[in-house]
C-alpha atoms as a PDB file:
ATOM      1  CA  MET A   1    -100.099 206.158  85.352  1.00  0.00           C
ATOM      2  CA  ARG A   2    -100.862 207.757  82.083  1.00  0.00           C
ATOM      3  CA  PHE A   3    -104.652 209.366  83.485  1.00  0.00           C
ATOM      4  CA  ARG A   4    -101.189 210.649  86.050  1.00  0.00           C
ATOM      5  CA  HIS A   5     -99.678 211.952  83.429  1.00  0.00           C
ATOM      6  CA  ARG A   6    -102.028 213.143  81.496  1.00  0.00           C
ATOM      7  CA  PHE A   7    -103.540 215.247  84.471  1.00  0.00           C
ATOM      8  CA  LEU A   8     -99.768 217.468  85.241  1.00  0.00           C
ATOM      9  CA  ALA A   9     -99.275 217.864  81.759  1.00  0.00           C
ATOM     10  CA  LEU A  10    -102.720 219.325  81.545  1.00  0.00           C
ATOM     11  CA  LEU A  11    -101.985 221.349  84.731  1.00  0.00           C
ATOM     12  CA  ALA A  12     -98.541 222.208  83.185  1.00  0.00           C
ATOM     13  CA  ILE A  13    -100.057 223.769  80.465  1.00  0.00           C
ATOM     14  CA  THR A  14    -102.864 225.596  82.315  1.00  0.00           C
ATOM     15  CA  LEU A  15    -100.580 227.037  84.972  1.00  0.00           C
ATOM     16  CA  LEU A  16     -98.489 228.402  81.658  1.00  0.00           C
ATOM     17  CA  VAL A  17    -101.640 230.128  80.703  1.00  0.00           C
ATOM     18  CA  ALA A  18    -103.130 231.478  83.826  1.00  0.00           C
ATOM     19  CA  THR A  19     -99.551 233.077  84.944  1.00  0.00           C
ATOM     20  CA  GLY A  20     -99.465 234.899  82.226  1.00  0.00           C
ATOM     21  CA  GLU A  21     -95.548 234.447  81.162  1.00  0.00           C
ATOM     22  CA  ALA A  22     -94.498 236.334  78.242  1.00  0.00           C
ATOM     23  CA  ALA A  23     -92.670 234.401  75.967  1.00  0.00           C
ATOM     24  CA  THR A  24     -91.056 234.705  72.506  1.00  0.00           C
ATOM     25  CA  PHE A  25     -91.451 232.504  69.012  1.00  0.00           C
ATOM     26  CA  ASP A  26     -88.759 232.885  66.396  1.00  0.00           C
ATOM     27  CA  VAL A  27     -90.224 232.142  63.401  1.00  0.00           C
ATOM     28  CA  ASN A  28     -88.116 229.894  61.009  1.00  0.00           C
ATOM     29  CA  SER A  29     -90.558 228.931  58.300  1.00  0.00           C
ATOM     30  CA  THR A  30     -92.820 230.382  55.536  1.00  0.00           C
ATOM     31  CA  LEU A  31     -94.876 227.517  55.881  1.00  0.00           C
ATOM     32  CA  ASP A  32     -98.319 227.767  56.846  1.00  0.00           C
ATOM     33  CA  GLU A  33     -99.714 225.163  59.400  1.00  0.00           C
ATOM     34  CA  ARG A  34    -101.513 224.966  62.113  1.00  0.00           C
ATOM     35  CA  ASP A  35     -99.531 225.013  66.056  1.00  0.00           C
ATOM     36  CA  ALA A  36     -99.792 220.928  66.556  1.00  0.00           C
ATOM     37  CA  VAL A  37    -100.501 221.687  70.645  1.00  0.00           C
ATOM     38  CA  PRO A  38    -102.182 225.070  71.513  1.00  0.00           C
ATOM     39  CA  GLY A  39    -101.285 225.848  74.516  1.00  0.00           C
ATOM     40  CA  ASP A  40     -98.086 223.744  75.853  1.00  0.00           C
ATOM     41  CA  GLY A  41     -95.782 226.943  74.993  1.00  0.00           C
ATOM     42  CA  ASN A  42     -93.764 225.613  72.258  1.00  0.00           C
ATOM     43  CA  CYS A  43     -94.755 226.383  68.815  1.00  0.00           C
ATOM     44  CA  ILE A  44     -94.422 223.130  66.526  1.00  0.00           C
ATOM     45  CA  SER A  45     -96.388 223.488  63.633  1.00  0.00           C
ATOM     46  CA  THR A  46     -98.165 220.663  62.016  1.00  0.00           C
ATOM     47  CA  PRO A  47     -97.451 217.898  59.978  1.00  0.00           C
ATOM     48  CA  THR A  48     -93.890 219.023  59.635  1.00  0.00           C
ATOM     49  CA  GLY A  49     -93.132 220.573  62.962  1.00  0.00           C
ATOM     50  CA  VAL A  50     -91.414 223.968  62.592  1.00  0.00           C
ATOM     51  CA  CYS A  51     -92.488 227.229  63.874  1.00  0.00           C
ATOM     52  CA  THR A  52     -94.823 228.907  61.645  1.00  0.00           C
ATOM     53  CA  LEU A  53     -96.377 232.485  61.834  1.00  0.00           C
ATOM     54  CA  ARG A  54     -99.810 230.989  62.218  1.00  0.00           C
ATOM     55  CA  ALA A  55     -98.850 227.877  64.544  1.00  0.00           C
ATOM     56  CA  ALA A  56     -96.758 231.077  66.988  1.00  0.00           C
ATOM     57  CA  ILE A  57    -100.130 233.030  66.639  1.00  0.00           C
ATOM     58  CA  ILE A  58    -102.203 230.450  67.181  1.00  0.00           C
ATOM     59  CA  GLU A  59     -99.201 229.387  69.982  1.00  0.00           C
ATOM     60  CA  ALA A  60     -99.528 233.056  71.983  1.00  0.00           C
ATOM     61  CA  ASN A  61    -103.176 233.140  72.120  1.00  0.00           C
ATOM     62  CA  GLN A  62    -103.281 230.870  74.633  1.00  0.00           C
ATOM     63  CA  ASN A  63    -101.649 233.499  76.817  1.00  0.00           C
ATOM     64  CA  ILE A  64    -102.863 236.589  78.320  1.00  0.00           C
ATOM     65  CA  ALA A  65     -99.178 238.148  78.208  1.00  0.00           C
ATOM     66  CA  VAL A  66     -97.595 239.967  75.581  1.00  0.00           C
ATOM     67  CA  ASP A  67     -95.769 237.454  74.057  1.00  0.00           C
ATOM     68  CA  THR A  68     -93.753 238.404  70.709  1.00  0.00           C
ATOM     69  CA  ILE A  69     -92.855 237.395  67.449  1.00  0.00           C
ATOM     70  CA  ASN A  70     -90.279 237.192  65.655  1.00  0.00           C
ATOM     71  CA  LEU A  71     -90.920 237.475  61.808  1.00  0.00           C
ATOM     72  CA  PRO A  72     -87.480 236.944  59.383  1.00  0.00           C
ATOM     73  CA  ALA A  73     -87.543 238.197  56.071  1.00  0.00           C
ATOM     74  CA  GLY A  74     -89.143 235.755  53.935  1.00  0.00           C
ATOM     75  CA  ILE A  75     -92.575 236.120  52.536  1.00  0.00           C
ATOM     76  CA  PHE A  76     -95.379 234.299  54.465  1.00  0.00           C
ATOM     77  CA  THR A  77     -98.138 233.698  52.640  1.00  0.00           C
ATOM     78  CA  LEU A  78    -101.522 232.520  53.787  1.00  0.00           C
ATOM     79  CA  THR A  79    -102.686 228.801  52.342  1.00  0.00           C
ATOM     80  CA  LEU A  80    -105.491 227.716  54.552  1.00  0.00           C
ATOM     81  CA  ALA A  81    -108.338 228.861  53.490  1.00  0.00           C
ATOM     82  CA  GLY A  82    -111.603 229.160  55.597  1.00  0.00           C
ATOM     83  CA  ILE A  83    -113.511 232.353  56.417  1.00  0.00           C
ATOM     84  CA  ALA A  84    -115.637 233.833  59.194  1.00  0.00           C
ATOM     85  CA  GLU A  85    -113.504 231.400  61.527  1.00  0.00           C
ATOM     86  CA  ASP A  86    -111.789 233.586  64.902  1.00  0.00           C
ATOM     87  CA  LEU A  87    -109.058 230.918  66.329  1.00  0.00           C
ATOM     88  CA  ALA A  88    -106.406 231.420  63.465  1.00  0.00           C
ATOM     89  CA  VAL A  89    -106.645 228.256  62.291  1.00  0.00           C
ATOM     90  CA  THR A  90    -108.225 228.618  58.493  1.00  0.00           C
ATOM     91  CA  GLY A  91    -108.233 232.111  56.515  1.00  0.00           C
ATOM     92  CA  ASP A  92    -106.978 235.230  58.494  1.00  0.00           C
ATOM     93  CA  LEU A  93    -104.269 235.407  61.861  1.00  0.00           C
ATOM     94  CA  ASP A  94    -106.837 236.211  64.143  1.00  0.00           C
ATOM     95  CA  ILE A  95    -105.739 238.113  67.177  1.00  0.00           C
ATOM     96  CA  LEU A  96    -107.298 236.991  70.588  1.00  0.00           C
ATOM     97  CA  THR A  97    -104.565 238.144  73.111  1.00  0.00           C
ATOM     98  CA  PRO A  98    -101.821 240.757  73.541  1.00  0.00           C
ATOM     99  CA  ILE A  99     -99.146 240.131  70.812  1.00  0.00           C
ATOM    100  CA  ASN A 100     -95.990 242.247  69.153  1.00  0.00           C
ATOM    101  CA  ILE A 101     -95.207 240.659  65.642  1.00  0.00           C
ATOM    102  CA  LEU A 102     -91.372 242.355  64.458  1.00  0.00           C
ATOM    103  CA  GLY A 103     -90.340 241.871  61.043  1.00  0.00           C
ATOM    104  CA  ALA A 104     -87.106 242.564  59.815  1.00  0.00           C
ATOM    105  CA  GLY A 105     -88.744 245.542  57.457  1.00  0.00           C
ATOM    106  CA  THR A 106     -91.097 246.071  54.761  1.00  0.00           C
ATOM    107  CA  ALA A 107     -89.444 245.310  51.654  1.00  0.00           C
ATOM    108  CA  ALA A 108     -87.877 242.136  53.715  1.00  0.00           C
ATOM    109  CA  THR A 109     -90.959 240.669  55.629  1.00  0.00           C
ATOM    110  CA  VAL A 110     -94.332 240.099  53.510  1.00  0.00           C
ATOM    111  CA  VAL A 111     -97.349 238.815  54.990  1.00  0.00           C
ATOM    112  CA  ASN A 112     -99.471 237.596  51.334  1.00  0.00           C
ATOM    113  CA  ALA A 113    -103.151 236.231  52.380  1.00  0.00           C
ATOM    114  CA  ASN A 114    -102.818 235.781  49.106  1.00  0.00           C
ATOM    115  CA  GLY A 115    -106.659 236.479  48.240  1.00  0.00           C
ATOM    116  CA  ILE A 116    -108.209 233.628  50.836  1.00  0.00           C
ATOM    117  CA  ASP A 117    -109.095 236.489  53.450  1.00  0.00           C
ATOM    118  CA  ARG A 118    -107.848 239.587  54.943  1.00  0.00           C
ATOM    119  CA  VAL A 119    -104.728 239.371  56.672  1.00  0.00           C
ATOM    120  CA  PHE A 120    -105.030 239.778  60.258  1.00  0.00           C
ATOM    121  CA  HIS A 121    -108.227 239.952  62.598  1.00  0.00           C
ATOM    122  CA  VAL A 122    -107.959 241.713  66.249  1.00  0.00           C
ATOM    123  CA  LEU A 123    -111.092 240.606  67.942  1.00  0.00           C
ATOM    124  CA  MET A 124    -112.573 242.232  70.814  1.00  0.00           C
ATOM    125  CA  GLY A 125    -112.027 242.648  74.052  1.00  0.00           C
ATOM    126  CA  ASP A 126    -108.498 243.477  75.547  1.00  0.00           C
ATOM    127  CA  VAL A 127    -106.465 242.142  72.413  1.00  0.00           C
ATOM    128  CA  ASP A 128    -103.570 244.659  71.846  1.00  0.00           C
ATOM    129  CA  LEU A 129    -101.438 244.363  68.452  1.00  0.00           C
ATOM    130  CA  THR A 130     -98.479 245.351  67.278  1.00  0.00           C
ATOM    131  CA  LEU A 131     -96.832 245.178  63.511  1.00  0.00           C
ATOM    132  CA  GLU A 132     -93.726 246.439  63.054  1.00  0.00           C
ATOM    133  CA  ASP A 133     -90.775 246.234  59.946  1.00  0.00           C
ATOM    134  CA  LEU A 134     -93.211 244.222  57.681  1.00  0.00           C
ATOM    135  CA  THR A 135     -95.935 244.565  54.755  1.00  0.00           C
ATOM    136  CA  VAL A 136     -99.478 243.068  54.493  1.00  0.00           C
ATOM    137  CA  ARG A 137    -100.424 242.235  51.772  1.00  0.00           C
ATOM    138  CA  ASP A 138    -103.063 241.069  49.808  1.00  0.00           C
ATOM    139  CA  GLY A 139    -105.820 240.330  52.170  1.00  0.00           C
ATOM    140  CA  SER A 140    -109.233 239.931  50.336  1.00  0.00           C
ATOM    141  CA  ALA A 141    -112.452 240.494  52.516  1.00  0.00           C
ATOM    142  CA  VAL A 142    -115.173 240.720  50.057  1.00  0.00           C
ATOM    143  CA  ALA A 143    -117.352 237.627  51.382  1.00  0.00           C
ATOM    144  CA  SER A 144    -120.644 237.543  53.054  1.00  0.00           C
ATOM    145  CA  GLY A 145    -119.854 237.957  56.646  1.00  0.00           C
ATOM    146  CA  SER A 146    -116.213 238.801  55.801  1.00  0.00           C
ATOM    147  CA  TYR A 147    -115.925 242.468  53.748  1.00  0.00           C
ATOM    148  CA  LEU A 148    -115.426 244.908  56.391  1.00  0.00           C
ATOM    149  CA  GLY A 149    -110.871 245.520  56.608  1.00  0.00           C
ATOM    150  CA  GLY A 150    -108.817 243.891  53.940  1.00  0.00           C
ATOM    151  CA  GLY A 151    -105.567 243.544  55.446  1.00  0.00           C
ATOM    152  CA  VAL A 152    -106.527 244.531  59.107  1.00  0.00           C
ATOM    153  CA  PHE A 153    -110.077 244.358  60.750  1.00  0.00           C
ATOM    154  CA  HIS A 154    -109.609 245.861  64.068  1.00  0.00           C
ATOM    155  CA  GLN A 155    -111.887 245.613  66.904  1.00  0.00           C
ATOM    156  CA  GLY A 156    -109.891 244.945  69.692  1.00  0.00           C
ATOM    157  CA  ARG A 157    -108.473 247.709  72.253  1.00  0.00           C
ATOM    158  CA  ASN A 158    -105.256 249.175  71.031  1.00  0.00           C
ATOM    159  CA  LEU A 159    -103.178 248.684  66.992  1.00  0.00           C
ATOM    160  CA  SER A 160     -99.800 249.650  66.816  1.00  0.00           C
ATOM    161  CA  LEU A 161     -98.280 250.140  63.507  1.00  0.00           C
ATOM    162  CA  VAL A 162     -94.572 251.010  63.285  1.00  0.00           C
ATOM    163  CA  ARG A 163     -92.646 251.225  59.631  1.00  0.00           C
ATOM    164  CA  VAL A 164     -95.603 249.004  58.146  1.00  0.00           C
ATOM    165  CA  ARG A 165     -96.517 249.064  54.301  1.00  0.00           C
ATOM    166  CA  ILE A 166    -100.774 248.373  53.912  1.00  0.00           C
ATOM    167  CA  THR A 167    -100.285 247.371  49.987  1.00  0.00           C
ATOM    168  CA  GLU A 168    -103.091 245.576  47.553  1.00  0.00           C
ATOM    169  CA  ASN A 169    -105.351 244.742  50.051  1.00  0.00           C
ATOM    170  CA  VAL A 170    -109.284 245.244  49.090  1.00  0.00           C
ATOM    171  CA  ALA A 171    -112.410 244.768  51.048  1.00  0.00           C
ATOM    172  CA  ASN A 172    -115.686 246.260  50.223  1.00  0.00           C
ATOM    173  CA  ALA A 173    -115.000 248.520  52.767  1.00  0.00           C
ATOM    174  CA  ALA A 174    -111.435 249.413  54.659  1.00  0.00           C
ATOM    175  CA  GLY A 175    -109.666 248.003  52.001  1.00  0.00           C
ATOM    176  CA  GLY A 176    -106.573 248.656  54.182  1.00  0.00           C
ATOM    177  CA  LEU A 177    -107.340 248.844  57.618  1.00  0.00           C
ATOM    178  CA  TRP A 178    -110.563 248.942  59.916  1.00  0.00           C
ATOM    179  CA  VAL A 179    -110.866 250.885  63.084  1.00  0.00           C
ATOM    180  CA  ALA A 180    -114.094 249.988  64.880  1.00  0.00           C
ATOM    181  CA  ASN A 181    -115.902 251.013  67.388  1.00  0.00           C
ATOM    182  CA  GLY A 182    -114.104 251.379  71.194  1.00  0.00           C
ATOM    183  CA  SER A 183    -110.635 250.778  69.207  1.00  0.00           C
ATOM    184  CA  THR A 184    -107.807 253.151  69.465  1.00  0.00           C
ATOM    185  CA  ALA A 185    -104.542 252.384  66.448  1.00  0.00           C
ATOM    186  CA  SER A 186    -101.212 254.335  65.982  1.00  0.00           C
ATOM    187  CA  ILE A 187     -99.849 254.644  62.541  1.00  0.00           C
ATOM    188  CA  GLU A 188     -96.457 255.734  62.776  1.00  0.00           C
ATOM    189  CA  GLN A 189     -93.483 255.716  59.959  1.00  0.00           C
ATOM    190  CA  SER A 190     -96.147 253.937  57.833  1.00  0.00           C
ATOM    191  CA  THR A 191     -97.256 253.500  54.071  1.00  0.00           C
ATOM    192  CA  PHE A 192    -100.528 252.930  52.929  1.00  0.00           C
ATOM    193  CA  ASP A 193    -101.120 252.381  48.616  1.00  0.00           C
ATOM    194  CA  ASN A 194    -103.010 250.391  46.293  1.00  0.00           C
ATOM    195  CA  ASN A 195    -105.630 249.513  48.364  1.00  0.00           C
ATOM    196  CA  GLU A 196    -109.099 249.280  47.498  1.00  0.00           C
ATOM    197  CA  ALA A 197    -112.855 249.531  48.165  1.00  0.00           C
ATOM    198  CA  VAL A 198    -114.890 247.214  45.922  1.00  0.00           C
ATOM    199  CA  ASN A 199    -119.175 247.204  45.509  1.00  0.00           C
ATOM    200  CA  ILE A 200    -120.067 244.348  46.414  1.00  0.00           C
ATOM    201  CA  GLY A 201    -123.192 245.227  47.991  1.00  0.00           C
ATOM    202  CA  TYR A 202    -122.555 243.944  51.706  1.00  0.00           C
ATOM    203  CA  THR A 203    -122.165 247.702  52.701  1.00  0.00           C
ATOM    204  CA  ASN A 204    -121.292 251.403  51.178  1.00  0.00           C
ATOM    205  CA  ALA A 205    -117.819 250.696  49.304  1.00  0.00           C
ATOM    206  CA  ASN A 206    -116.202 253.305  51.250  1.00  0.00           C
ATOM    207  CA  GLY A 207    -112.549 253.685  52.198  1.00  0.00           C
ATOM    208  CA  PRO A 208    -109.977 252.284  50.028  1.00  0.00           C
ATOM    209  CA  ALA A 209    -107.192 252.773  52.614  1.00  0.00           C
ATOM    210  CA  ILE A 210    -109.034 253.366  56.024  1.00  0.00           C
ATOM    211  CA  ILE A 211    -112.025 253.837  57.788  1.00  0.00           C
ATOM    212  CA  ASN A 212    -112.023 255.027  61.359  1.00  0.00           C
ATOM    213  CA  GLU A 213    -114.739 254.676  64.494  1.00  0.00           C
ATOM    214  CA  GLY A 214    -112.796 254.994  66.780  1.00  0.00           C
ATOM    215  CA  ALA A 215    -109.720 256.866  67.676  1.00  0.00           C
ATOM    216  CA  LEU A 216    -107.043 257.353  64.831  1.00  0.00           C
ATOM    217  CA  ASP A 217    -103.541 259.117  64.982  1.00  0.00           C
ATOM    218  CA  LEU A 218    -101.041 258.837  62.046  1.00  0.00           C
ATOM    219  CA  SER A 219     -97.654 260.378  61.900  1.00  0.00           C
ATOM    220  CA  ASN A 220     -94.793 260.500  59.743  1.00  0.00           C
ATOM    221  CA  SER A 221     -96.788 258.347  57.164  1.00  0.00           C
ATOM    222  CA  THR A 222     -97.868 258.235  53.569  1.00  0.00           C
ATOM    223  CA  VAL A 223    -101.658 256.980  52.402  1.00  0.00           C
ATOM    224  CA  ALA A 224    -101.232 257.332  48.423  1.00  0.00           C
ATOM    225  CA  ASN A 225    -102.642 255.561  45.416  1.00  0.00           C
ATOM    226  CA  ASN A 226    -105.117 253.911  46.725  1.00  0.00           C
ATOM    227  CA  THR A 227    -109.069 253.429  44.652  1.00  0.00           C
ATOM    228  CA  GLY A 228    -112.821 253.600  45.565  1.00  0.00           C
ATOM    229  CA  PHE A 229    -115.453 252.359  43.427  1.00  0.00           C
ATOM    230  CA  THR A 230    -116.807 256.026  43.056  1.00  0.00           C
ATOM    231  CA  TRP A 231    -115.633 259.552  43.382  1.00  0.00           C
ATOM    232  CA  ASN A 232    -117.083 260.531  46.594  1.00  0.00           C
ATOM    233  CA  VAL A 233    -115.513 257.905  48.605  1.00  0.00           C
ATOM    234  CA  ALA A 234    -112.922 258.919  51.179  1.00  0.00           C
ATOM    235  CA  ASN A 235    -109.507 257.612  51.481  1.00  0.00           C
ATOM    236  CA  ILE A 236    -109.615 257.622  55.467  1.00  0.00           C
ATOM    237  CA  GLU A 237    -113.675 257.661  56.447  1.00  0.00           C
ATOM    238  CA  MET A 238    -114.489 258.411  59.648  1.00  0.00           C
ATOM    239  CA  PRO A 239    -118.691 257.863  59.495  1.00  0.00           C
ATOM    240  CA  ARG A 240    -118.612 258.646  63.563  1.00  0.00           C
ATOM    241  CA  CYS A 241    -116.187 258.306  66.013  1.00  0.00           C
ATOM    242  CA  SER A 242    -116.692 256.691  69.976  1.00  0.00           C
ATOM    243  CA  GLY A 243    -112.936 257.879  70.610  1.00  0.00           C
ATOM    244  CA  SER A 244    -111.123 261.240  70.000  1.00  0.00           C
ATOM    245  CA  GLY A 245    -111.717 261.099  66.269  1.00  0.00           C
ATOM    246  CA  PHE A 246    -107.854 261.687  63.784  1.00  0.00           C
ATOM    247  CA  SER A 247    -105.677 262.766  64.037  1.00  0.00           C
ATOM    248  CA  ALA A 248    -102.320 263.568  61.625  1.00  0.00           C
ATOM    249  CA  THR A 249     -98.815 264.832  61.997  1.00  0.00           C
ATOM    250  CA  ASN A 250     -96.591 264.967  59.413  1.00  0.00           C
ATOM    251  CA  SER A 251     -97.611 262.700  56.800  1.00  0.00           C
ATOM    252  CA  THR A 252     -99.194 262.861  53.724  1.00  0.00           C
ATOM    253  CA  ILE A 253    -102.572 262.046  52.207  1.00  0.00           C
ATOM    254  CA  ALA A 254    -102.103 262.404  48.206  1.00  0.00           C
ATOM    255  CA  ASN A 255    -103.229 260.501  44.700  1.00  0.00           C
ATOM    256  CA  ASN A 256    -105.773 259.046  46.096  1.00  0.00           C
ATOM    257  CA  SER A 257    -109.191 258.466  43.633  1.00  0.00           C
ATOM    258  CA  GLY A 258    -111.872 260.459  45.869  1.00  0.00           C
ATOM    259  CA  SER A 259    -111.555 262.550  49.109  1.00  0.00           C
ATOM    260  CA  GLY A 260    -108.453 261.998  50.613  1.00  0.00           C
ATOM    261  CA  ILE A 261    -110.156 262.588  53.981  1.00  0.00           C
ATOM    262  CA  GLY A 262    -114.053 262.559  55.066  1.00  0.00           C
ATOM    263  CA  SER A 263    -115.343 262.747  58.694  1.00  0.00           C
ATOM    264  CA  TRP A 264    -118.939 262.933  59.480  1.00  0.00           C
ATOM    265  CA  ASN A 265    -118.972 264.225  63.052  1.00  0.00           C
ATOM    266  CA  CYS A 266    -115.459 263.176  64.005  1.00  0.00           C
ATOM    267  CA  ASN A 267    -112.675 265.583  65.701  1.00  0.00           C
ATOM    268  CA  VAL A 268    -109.974 266.241  62.862  1.00  0.00           C
ATOM    269  CA  LEU A 269    -106.426 267.393  63.812  1.00  0.00           C
ATOM    270  CA  LEU A 270    -103.552 267.871  61.318  1.00  0.00           C
ATOM    271  CA  ARG A 271    -100.593 269.389  61.877  1.00  0.00           C
ATOM    272  CA  HIS A 272     -98.369 269.648  59.135  1.00  0.00           C
ATOM    273  CA  VAL A 273    -100.527 267.440  56.279  1.00  0.00           C
ATOM    274  CA  THR A 274    -100.517 267.829  52.740  1.00  0.00           C
ATOM    275  CA  VAL A 275    -103.832 266.524  51.264  1.00  0.00           C
ATOM    276  CA  ASN A 276    -105.374 266.576  48.218  1.00  0.00           C
ATOM    277  CA  GLY A 277    -106.559 263.995  45.600  1.00  0.00           C
ATOM    278  CA  GLU A 278    -110.195 264.647  43.698  1.00  0.00           C
ATOM    279  CA  GLY A 279    -112.472 266.231  46.863  1.00  0.00           C
ATOM    280  CA  CYS A 280    -109.566 266.558  48.880  1.00  0.00           C
ATOM    281  CA  ILE A 281    -111.582 266.609  52.238  1.00  0.00           C
ATOM    282  CA  ARG A 282    -115.854 266.164  52.987  1.00  0.00           C
ATOM    283  CA  TYR A 283    -116.591 267.270  56.989  1.00  0.00           C
ATOM    284  CA  ARG A 284    -119.971 267.142  58.369  1.00  0.00           C
ATOM    285  CA  LEU A 285    -120.502 269.769  61.374  1.00  0.00           C
ATOM    286  CA  ALA A 286    -122.428 268.368  64.212  1.00  0.00           C
ATOM    287  CA  GLY A 287    -120.302 269.923  67.871  1.00  0.00           C
ATOM    288  CA  ARG A 288    -117.165 268.217  66.424  1.00  0.00           C
ATOM    289  CA  ARG A 289    -113.882 270.592  65.929  1.00  0.00           C
ATOM    290  CA  PHE A 290    -112.039 271.057  62.576  1.00  0.00           C
ATOM    291  CA  ASP A 291    -108.226 272.310  63.505  1.00  0.00           C
ATOM    292  CA  MET A 292    -105.665 272.962  61.378  1.00  0.00           C
ATOM    293  CA  TYR A 293    -102.293 274.327  61.863  1.00  0.00           C
ATOM    294  CA  GLN A 294     -99.346 276.095  59.484  1.00  0.00           C
ATOM    295  CA  PRO A 295     -97.312 275.468  58.171  1.00  0.00           C
ATOM    296  CA  ALA A 296     -97.442 272.892  55.679  1.00  0.00           C
ATOM    297  CA  VAL A 297    -100.996 272.179  55.559  1.00  0.00           C
ATOM    298  CA  ASP A 298    -101.820 272.369  51.755  1.00  0.00           C
ATOM    299  CA  LEU A 299    -105.858 272.176  51.418  1.00  0.00           C
ATOM    300  CA  MET A 300    -106.642 271.429  47.549  1.00  0.00           C
ATOM    301  CA  ASP A 301    -109.716 271.841  45.898  1.00  0.00           C
ATOM    302  CA  TRP A 302    -110.778 269.326  43.259  1.00  0.00           C
ATOM    303  CA  TYR A 303    -108.917 271.177  40.284  1.00  0.00           C
ATOM    304  CA  GLY A 304    -105.890 271.079  42.873  1.00  0.00           C
ATOM    305  CA  VAL A 305    -105.636 274.633  43.444  1.00  0.00           C
ATOM    306  CA  PRO A 306    -105.344 275.723  47.698  1.00  0.00           C
ATOM    307  CA  VAL A 307    -108.223 276.203  49.436  1.00  0.00           C
ATOM    308  CA  ARG A 308    -107.798 278.373  52.725  1.00  0.00           C
ATOM    309  CA  ASP A 309    -103.985 278.192  54.071  1.00  0.00           C
ATOM    310  CA  ASP A 310    -105.492 280.617  57.012  1.00  0.00           C
ATOM    311  CA  LEU A 311    -103.660 279.243  60.972  1.00  0.00           C
ATOM    312  CA  ASP A 312    -106.316 277.438  63.770  1.00  0.00           C
ATOM    313  CA  LEU A 313    -109.260 277.579  61.592  1.00  0.00           C
ATOM    314  CA  GLU A 314    -112.576 276.768  63.640  1.00  0.00           C
ATOM    315  CA  CYS A 315    -115.312 274.234  61.914  1.00  0.00           C
ATOM    316  CA  PRO A 316    -117.389 277.056  60.376  1.00  0.00           C
ATOM    317  CA  SER A 317    -114.736 278.679  58.383  1.00  0.00           C
ATOM    318  CA  VAL A 318    -112.973 275.053  57.366  1.00  0.00           C
ATOM    319  CA  THR A 319    -116.682 274.037  56.584  1.00  0.00           C
ATOM    320  CA  GLU A 320    -117.414 277.457  54.445  1.00  0.00           C
ATOM    321  CA  ALA A 321    -114.291 277.125  52.729  1.00  0.00           C
ATOM    322  CA  LEU A 322    -114.927 273.934  51.268  1.00  0.00           C
ATOM    323  CA  GLY A 323    -118.478 274.141  50.561  1.00  0.00           C
END
């Protein structure tokens, strides 16, 4: 009889995952505890028996549907240390299936990695993550095997950040966000500030705010006050692009150390964007386009002097103007 009950329980869990019925989890604790029974459809942590952010993510990772996690006001600090683990059991919050995490505002809801690891890791595959109305803070990716993307390391399909602040994160490369080759990211009404790329030797210390190797769209957002190891880093860096490259609309990229944008053979499209800083824009041309649409496109040289304000500039014109 006991075996039969256990079999039926396992069957019910399997059916829940297989049917892909979307679930909603309401986090009610700022503790950092694992889910007690992953896959049972309930967000109940161990040992306290509450619904934590980590428990909700572990439970949502068992479901192929798009689950939603409601995160109330509070500081959700990660305390279960352990890097290079990809089931969200320790360290960063690993995302394995499509998940929406909805906060109560950037000033109210803060996910703080407390320096034990990066904050979010979106794993490869058909994995989507949406973050809305929250702050991602104090992520750290500075160890062997975990040195990319201090705030968010995105290797999945689609990442959407809406009214999100990415701040005070650090990594060897991509202090705020790494968008991997083949991935797509959309950033709207968000802020990247006070992130840092540090020289620890695992890779080039670049992209204090963002490194994009896929397709990245930035709109109505600000990238400011991020810092790198040397002057020639780019705060939004594109060493290569598998997708459409980088587009920005109605945004400001300013007051960062190093260049505002660095694009090595990636398409770049700027509409109503202000870019300034030490180096402003660095661009290497190899059959890619760099288009700027006026008004309100301000390209500054090293000393903050406007470089060019032409309409619909093609790549040769821009590269010549910027030297």
